[in-house]
């Protein structure tokens, strides 16, 4: 007697391979992916004033913004000329790894759901095959 693969078993097998590979890729990127390549590119850096919700920089126990407003910071250009630092001189590059990791984990969550559903279909299909074989 020839056994036929039932629909549950077929859907489960295909789903395990598809959803399982998607889960493995996205979860693997979130856990073992490169963490140091997600910095803001230089042309897209933001002014220091726009980052006050994320972090604050202190210099000698005083906010960097206060030093700049007071005119206490100086720098030099390529020619060696000193000038007073203004807020437009300071740009901040942010590491966006936590946002990218959250996206990877979000996608892996949906993949894990479909992987679990596929495993359930696979087990149901195997149980139906065993039941058919006994009869």
N, C-alpha and C. Protein backbone atom coordinates (compact mmCIF):
# COMPACT_ATOMS: atom_id res chain seq x y z
N UNK A 1 0.83 -1.16 0.00
CA UNK A 1 0.00 0.00 0.00
C UNK A 1 0.89 1.24 0.00
N UNK A 2 0.62 2.15 -0.91
CA UNK A 2 1.42 3.35 -1.07
C UNK A 2 0.86 4.47 -0.19
N UNK A 3 1.72 5.09 0.61
CA UNK A 3 1.30 6.19 1.49
C UNK A 3 1.30 7.49 0.70
N UNK A 4 0.26 8.28 0.92
CA UNK A 4 0.20 9.59 0.30
C UNK A 4 0.54 10.64 1.34
N UNK A 5 1.25 11.65 0.92
CA UNK A 5 1.56 12.76 1.82
C UNK A 5 0.31 13.64 1.87
N UNK A 6 -0.18 13.84 3.09
CA UNK A 6 -1.39 14.66 3.22
C UNK A 6 -1.04 16.14 3.20
N UNK A 7 -2.06 16.98 3.08
CA UNK A 7 -1.88 18.43 2.94
C UNK A 7 -1.21 19.03 4.17
N UNK A 8 -1.60 18.58 5.36
CA UNK A 8 -1.01 19.13 6.59
C UNK A 8 0.50 18.88 6.62
N UNK A 9 0.89 17.67 6.26
CA UNK A 9 2.31 17.32 6.26
C UNK A 9 3.08 18.15 5.24
N UNK A 10 2.51 18.31 4.06
CA UNK A 10 3.16 19.08 3.00
C UNK A 10 3.29 20.56 3.39
N UNK A 11 2.21 21.14 3.89
CA UNK A 11 2.25 22.54 4.33
C UNK A 11 3.24 22.71 5.46
N UNK A 12 3.25 21.77 6.38
CA UNK A 12 4.18 21.83 7.50
C UNK A 12 5.63 21.76 7.07
N UNK A 13 5.93 20.85 6.16
CA UNK A 13 7.31 20.71 5.68
C UNK A 13 7.79 21.97 4.97
N UNK A 14 6.94 22.48 4.07
CA UNK A 14 7.32 23.70 3.34
C UNK A 14 7.46 24.87 4.30
N UNK A 15 6.51 24.99 5.22
CA UNK A 15 6.55 26.09 6.18
C UNK A 15 7.76 26.03 7.10
N UNK A 16 8.14 24.84 7.51
CA UNK A 16 9.32 24.70 8.38
C UNK A 16 10.56 25.18 7.65
N UNK A 17 10.70 24.82 6.38
CA UNK A 17 11.88 25.26 5.64
C UNK A 17 11.85 26.77 5.38
N UNK A 18 10.71 27.30 4.97
CA UNK A 18 10.63 28.73 4.63
C UNK A 18 10.69 29.59 5.90
N UNK A 19 9.75 29.37 6.82
CA UNK A 19 9.71 30.20 8.03
C UNK A 19 10.92 29.94 8.91
N UNK A 20 11.39 28.71 8.94
CA UNK A 20 12.57 28.39 9.75
C UNK A 20 13.82 29.10 9.25
N UNK A 21 13.99 29.14 7.93
CA UNK A 21 15.16 29.83 7.39
C UNK A 21 15.04 31.33 7.60
N UNK A 22 13.84 31.88 7.44
CA UNK A 22 13.65 33.32 7.70
C UNK A 22 13.92 33.65 9.16
N UNK A 23 13.43 32.81 10.06
CA UNK A 23 13.67 33.04 11.48
C UNK A 23 15.16 32.97 11.78
N UNK A 24 15.82 31.96 11.25
CA UNK A 24 17.25 31.80 11.53
C UNK A 24 18.06 33.00 11.02
N UNK A 25 17.73 33.49 9.84
CA UNK A 25 18.47 34.61 9.26
C UNK A 25 18.27 35.88 10.09
N UNK A 26 17.01 36.22 10.36
CA UNK A 26 16.75 37.48 11.07
C UNK A 26 17.18 37.43 12.54
N UNK A 27 16.95 36.33 13.19
CA UNK A 27 17.38 36.21 14.58
C UNK A 27 18.91 36.18 14.67
N UNK A 28 19.53 35.49 13.72
CA UNK A 28 20.99 35.45 13.68
C UNK A 28 21.59 36.83 13.47
N UNK A 29 20.98 37.64 12.59
CA UNK A 29 21.47 39.00 12.38
C UNK A 29 21.32 39.84 13.65
N UNK A 30 20.22 39.64 14.37
CA UNK A 30 19.99 40.41 15.60
C UNK A 30 20.96 40.02 16.69
N UNK A 31 21.31 38.75 16.78
CA UNK A 31 22.17 38.28 17.87
C UNK A 31 23.65 38.37 17.50
N UNK A 32 24.01 37.94 16.31
CA UNK A 32 25.42 37.86 15.93
C UNK A 32 25.81 38.85 14.85
N UNK A 33 24.91 39.72 14.45
CA UNK A 33 25.21 40.66 13.37
C UNK A 33 26.23 41.72 13.76
N UNK A 34 26.78 42.41 12.77
CA UNK A 34 27.77 43.44 13.07
C UNK A 34 27.11 44.64 13.75
N UNK A 35 27.64 45.03 14.89
CA UNK A 35 27.04 46.10 15.69
C UNK A 35 27.67 47.46 15.40
N UNK A 36 28.79 47.48 14.73
CA UNK A 36 29.53 48.73 14.56
C UNK A 36 29.38 49.37 13.19
N UNK A 37 28.46 48.90 12.35
CA UNK A 37 28.31 49.48 11.01
C UNK A 37 27.07 50.35 10.88
N UNK A 38 26.37 50.58 11.97
CA UNK A 38 25.08 51.28 11.91
C UNK A 38 25.17 52.73 12.36
N UNK A 39 26.35 53.32 12.29
CA UNK A 39 26.52 54.71 12.69
C UNK A 39 25.94 55.64 11.62
N UNK A 40 25.50 56.81 12.05
CA UNK A 40 24.97 57.81 11.14
C UNK A 40 26.09 58.27 10.21
N UNK A 41 25.85 58.30 8.89
CA UNK A 41 26.87 58.81 7.96
C UNK A 41 27.12 60.31 8.23
N UNK A 42 28.30 60.78 7.95
CA UNK A 42 28.69 62.16 8.25
C UNK A 42 27.72 63.20 7.66
N UNK A 43 27.26 63.05 6.41
CA UNK A 43 26.33 64.07 5.89
C UNK A 43 24.98 64.09 6.63
N UNK A 44 24.64 63.02 7.33
CA UNK A 44 23.35 62.95 8.02
C UNK A 44 23.46 63.15 9.53
N UNK A 45 24.63 63.54 10.02
CA UNK A 45 24.78 63.77 11.45
C UNK A 45 23.85 64.90 11.89
N UNK A 46 23.51 64.90 13.16
CA UNK A 46 22.55 65.87 13.69
C UNK A 46 23.24 66.84 14.63
N UNK A 47 22.66 68.03 14.78
CA UNK A 47 23.24 68.99 15.73
C UNK A 47 23.10 68.46 17.16
N UNK A 48 23.99 68.94 18.03
CA UNK A 48 23.99 68.52 19.42
C UNK A 48 22.66 68.82 20.10
N UNK A 49 22.01 69.92 19.73
CA UNK A 49 20.75 70.30 20.37
C UNK A 49 19.62 69.30 20.11
N UNK A 50 19.70 68.57 18.99
CA UNK A 50 18.65 67.59 18.66
C UNK A 50 18.85 66.26 19.37
N UNK A 51 19.95 66.09 20.07
CA UNK A 51 20.22 64.82 20.74
C UNK A 51 19.98 64.87 22.24
N UNK A 52 19.41 65.97 22.73
CA UNK A 52 19.27 66.15 24.18
C UNK A 52 18.32 65.13 24.81
N UNK A 53 17.43 64.52 24.03
CA UNK A 53 16.54 63.49 24.58
C UNK A 53 17.24 62.14 24.72
N UNK A 54 18.33 61.95 23.98
CA UNK A 54 19.03 60.67 24.00
C UNK A 54 20.22 60.65 24.96
N UNK A 55 20.96 61.74 25.02
CA UNK A 55 22.12 61.79 25.91
C UNK A 55 22.52 63.25 26.12
N UNK A 56 23.35 63.47 27.11
CA UNK A 56 23.91 64.78 27.42
C UNK A 56 25.42 64.61 27.60
N UNK A 57 26.17 65.60 27.12
CA UNK A 57 27.63 65.56 27.25
C UNK A 57 28.04 66.62 28.27
N UNK A 58 28.85 66.17 29.23
CA UNK A 58 29.33 67.06 30.27
C UNK A 58 30.84 67.26 30.10
N UNK A 59 31.28 68.48 30.35
CA UNK A 59 32.70 68.82 30.34
C UNK A 59 32.98 69.55 31.64
N UNK A 60 33.81 68.97 32.49
CA UNK A 60 34.09 69.53 33.83
C UNK A 60 32.80 69.74 34.63
N UNK A 61 31.97 68.72 34.64
CA UNK A 61 30.70 68.71 35.39
C UNK A 61 29.72 69.79 34.94
N UNK A 62 29.84 70.25 33.73
CA UNK A 62 28.91 71.24 33.19
C UNK A 62 28.52 70.80 31.78
N UNK A 63 27.26 71.04 31.42
CA UNK A 63 26.80 70.66 30.09
C UNK A 63 27.64 71.32 29.00
N UNK A 64 27.92 70.58 27.96
CA UNK A 64 28.68 71.12 26.83
C UNK A 64 27.97 72.32 26.23
N UNK A 65 26.64 72.28 26.18
CA UNK A 65 25.86 73.41 25.65
C UNK A 65 26.16 74.70 26.42
N UNK A 66 26.30 74.60 27.74
CA UNK A 66 26.60 75.78 28.55
C UNK A 66 27.97 76.35 28.21
N UNK A 67 28.96 75.50 27.99
CA UNK A 67 30.30 75.96 27.60
C UNK A 67 30.24 76.69 26.27
N UNK A 68 29.46 76.17 25.34
CA UNK A 68 29.35 76.78 24.01
C UNK A 68 28.65 78.13 24.10
N UNK A 69 27.54 78.19 24.85
CA UNK A 69 26.81 79.46 25.01
C UNK A 69 27.69 80.52 25.66
N UNK A 70 28.50 80.13 26.59
CA UNK A 70 29.38 81.05 27.30
C UNK A 70 30.59 81.45 26.45
N UNK A 71 30.87 80.71 25.40
CA UNK A 71 32.02 81.02 24.55
C UNK A 71 33.33 80.53 25.14
N UNK A 72 33.27 79.46 25.91
CA UNK A 72 34.46 78.97 26.59
C UNK A 72 35.24 77.93 25.79
N UNK A 73 34.70 77.49 24.67
CA UNK A 73 35.38 76.46 23.87
C UNK A 73 35.99 77.08 22.62
N UNK A 74 37.23 76.64 22.32
CA UNK A 74 37.93 77.13 21.14
C UNK A 74 38.44 75.93 20.35
N UNK A 75 38.61 76.15 19.05
CA UNK A 75 39.18 75.13 18.18
C UNK A 75 40.08 75.84 17.18
N UNK A 76 40.73 75.08 16.32
CA UNK A 76 41.56 75.69 15.28
C UNK A 76 41.22 75.07 13.94
N UNK A 77 41.36 75.87 12.89
CA UNK A 77 41.07 75.38 11.55
C UNK A 77 42.33 74.75 10.95
N UNK A 78 42.29 74.40 9.68
CA UNK A 78 43.41 73.73 9.03
C UNK A 78 44.65 74.62 8.96
N UNK A 79 44.44 75.91 8.93
CA UNK A 79 45.57 76.85 8.85
C UNK A 79 46.16 77.14 10.23
N UNK A 80 45.53 76.62 11.28
CA UNK A 80 46.03 76.85 12.63
C UNK A 80 45.42 78.07 13.31
N UNK A 81 44.46 78.70 12.66
CA UNK A 81 43.80 79.87 13.24
C UNK A 81 42.78 79.41 14.27
N UNK A 82 42.84 80.02 15.47
CA UNK A 82 41.90 79.67 16.52
C UNK A 82 40.60 80.44 16.33
N UNK A 83 39.49 79.76 16.67
CA UNK A 83 38.18 80.41 16.63
C UNK A 83 37.31 79.86 17.74
N UNK A 84 36.29 80.61 18.09
CA UNK A 84 35.36 80.22 19.13
C UNK A 84 34.39 79.18 18.55
N UNK A 85 34.16 78.11 19.29
CA UNK A 85 33.25 77.04 18.86
C UNK A 85 31.81 77.53 19.00
N UNK A 86 31.03 77.35 17.92
CA UNK A 86 29.61 77.70 17.92
C UNK A 86 28.81 76.40 17.80
N UNK A 87 27.52 76.41 18.14
CA UNK A 87 26.73 75.17 18.08
C UNK A 87 26.75 74.48 16.72
N UNK A 88 26.88 75.23 15.63
CA UNK A 88 26.89 74.63 14.30
C UNK A 88 28.16 73.82 14.04
N UNK A 89 29.20 74.05 14.84
CA UNK A 89 30.45 73.30 14.66
C UNK A 89 30.35 71.88 15.20
N UNK A 90 29.43 71.63 16.09
CA UNK A 90 29.35 70.31 16.73
C UNK A 90 28.23 69.51 16.08
N UNK A 91 28.58 68.36 15.54
CA UNK A 91 27.63 67.44 14.92
C UNK A 91 27.75 66.10 15.63
N UNK A 92 26.67 65.35 15.69
CA UNK A 92 26.65 64.09 16.42
C UNK A 92 26.26 62.96 15.47
N UNK A 93 27.07 61.91 15.46
CA UNK A 93 26.74 60.69 14.75
C UNK A 93 26.23 59.67 15.76
N UNK A 94 25.08 59.11 15.49
CA UNK A 94 24.45 58.17 16.43
C UNK A 94 24.60 56.74 15.94
N UNK A 95 24.73 55.83 16.87
CA UNK A 95 24.76 54.41 16.54
C UNK A 95 23.31 53.92 16.54
N UNK A 96 22.83 53.51 15.38
CA UNK A 96 21.44 53.09 15.23
C UNK A 96 21.25 51.58 15.39
N UNK A 97 22.23 50.91 16.00
CA UNK A 97 22.16 49.46 16.14
C UNK A 97 20.90 49.03 16.88
N UNK A 98 20.52 49.75 17.94
CA UNK A 98 19.35 49.32 18.71
C UNK A 98 18.07 49.37 17.87
N UNK A 99 17.97 50.31 16.95
CA UNK A 99 16.79 50.38 16.07
C UNK A 99 16.81 49.25 15.04
N UNK A 100 17.98 49.00 14.48
CA UNK A 100 18.11 47.92 13.49
C UNK A 100 17.87 46.57 14.14
N UNK A 101 18.42 46.38 15.34
CA UNK A 101 18.22 45.12 16.07
C UNK A 101 16.75 44.91 16.37
N UNK A 102 16.04 45.97 16.74
CA UNK A 102 14.60 45.86 17.01
C UNK A 102 13.85 45.45 15.75
N UNK A 103 14.26 45.96 14.59
CA UNK A 103 13.62 45.56 13.34
C UNK A 103 13.86 44.08 13.04
N UNK A 104 15.10 43.63 13.23
CA UNK A 104 15.42 42.21 13.00
C UNK A 104 14.60 41.32 13.95
N UNK A 105 14.52 41.72 15.21
CA UNK A 105 13.78 40.91 16.18
C UNK A 105 12.29 40.93 15.89
N UNK A 106 11.78 42.05 15.40
CA UNK A 106 10.36 42.13 15.03
C UNK A 106 10.04 41.16 13.90
N UNK A 107 10.87 41.15 12.87
CA UNK A 107 10.65 40.23 11.75
C UNK A 107 10.82 38.79 12.21
N UNK A 108 11.81 38.54 13.08
CA UNK A 108 12.02 37.16 13.54
C UNK A 108 10.86 36.69 14.42
N UNK A 109 10.18 37.61 15.09
CA UNK A 109 9.00 37.24 15.88
C UNK A 109 7.90 36.70 14.99
N UNK A 110 7.64 37.38 13.87
CA UNK A 110 6.62 36.88 12.94
C UNK A 110 7.06 35.58 12.29
N UNK A 111 8.33 35.48 11.96
CA UNK A 111 8.84 34.23 11.39
C UNK A 111 8.70 33.08 12.39
N UNK A 112 8.97 33.36 13.67
CA UNK A 112 8.83 32.33 14.71
C UNK A 112 7.39 31.89 14.85
N UNK A 113 6.45 32.83 14.73
CA UNK A 113 5.03 32.47 14.79
C UNK A 113 4.68 31.51 13.66
N UNK A 114 5.10 31.84 12.44
CA UNK A 114 4.79 30.97 11.30
C UNK A 114 5.57 29.66 11.37
N UNK A 115 6.74 29.68 11.96
CA UNK A 115 7.49 28.44 12.17
C UNK A 115 6.73 27.54 13.13
N UNK A 116 6.23 28.09 14.22
CA UNK A 116 5.44 27.31 15.17
C UNK A 116 4.18 26.75 14.53
N UNK A 117 3.52 27.57 13.72
CA UNK A 117 2.33 27.12 13.01
C UNK A 117 2.67 25.98 12.04
N UNK A 118 3.79 26.11 11.37
CA UNK A 118 4.22 25.06 10.43
C UNK A 118 4.56 23.77 11.16
N UNK A 119 5.19 23.86 12.31
CA UNK A 119 5.49 22.67 13.10
C UNK A 119 4.20 21.99 13.54
N UNK A 120 3.20 22.81 13.92
CA UNK A 120 1.90 22.25 14.30
C UNK A 120 1.25 21.51 13.11
N UNK A 121 1.31 22.11 11.93
CA UNK A 121 0.79 21.45 10.73
C UNK A 121 1.55 20.15 10.46
N UNK A 122 2.87 20.20 10.61
CA UNK A 122 3.70 19.03 10.35
C UNK A 122 3.34 17.90 11.31
N UNK A 123 3.22 18.20 12.59
CA UNK A 123 2.87 17.18 13.58
C UNK A 123 1.49 16.61 13.30
N UNK A 124 0.54 17.48 12.93
CA UNK A 124 -0.80 17.01 12.59
C UNK A 124 -0.76 16.08 11.38
N UNK A 125 0.06 16.46 10.38
CA UNK A 125 0.19 15.62 9.19
C UNK A 125 0.81 14.28 9.50
N UNK A 126 1.82 14.26 10.36
CA UNK A 126 2.46 12.99 10.75
C UNK A 126 1.47 12.12 11.51
N UNK A 127 0.71 12.74 12.40
CA UNK A 127 -0.29 11.98 13.17
C UNK A 127 -1.35 11.39 12.24
N UNK A 128 -1.75 12.14 11.24
CA UNK A 128 -2.74 11.61 10.29
C UNK A 128 -2.15 10.47 9.47
N UNK A 129 -0.86 10.56 9.09
CA UNK A 129 -0.23 9.48 8.35
C UNK A 129 -0.15 8.21 9.20
N UNK A 130 0.21 8.36 10.47
CA UNK A 130 0.29 7.21 11.36
C UNK A 130 -1.07 6.59 11.55
N UNK A 131 -2.10 7.43 11.71
CA UNK A 131 -3.46 6.94 11.89
C UNK A 131 -3.93 6.21 10.64
N UNK A 132 -3.62 6.74 9.47
CA UNK A 132 -4.01 6.10 8.21
C UNK A 132 -3.28 4.76 8.04
N UNK A 133 -2.02 4.71 8.46
CA UNK A 133 -1.24 3.49 8.33
C UNK A 133 -1.80 2.37 9.22
N UNK A 134 -2.26 2.73 10.43
CA UNK A 134 -2.82 1.74 11.35
C UNK A 134 -4.11 1.17 10.81
N UNK A 135 -4.86 1.97 10.10
CA UNK A 135 -6.16 1.50 9.58
C UNK A 135 -5.89 0.68 8.35
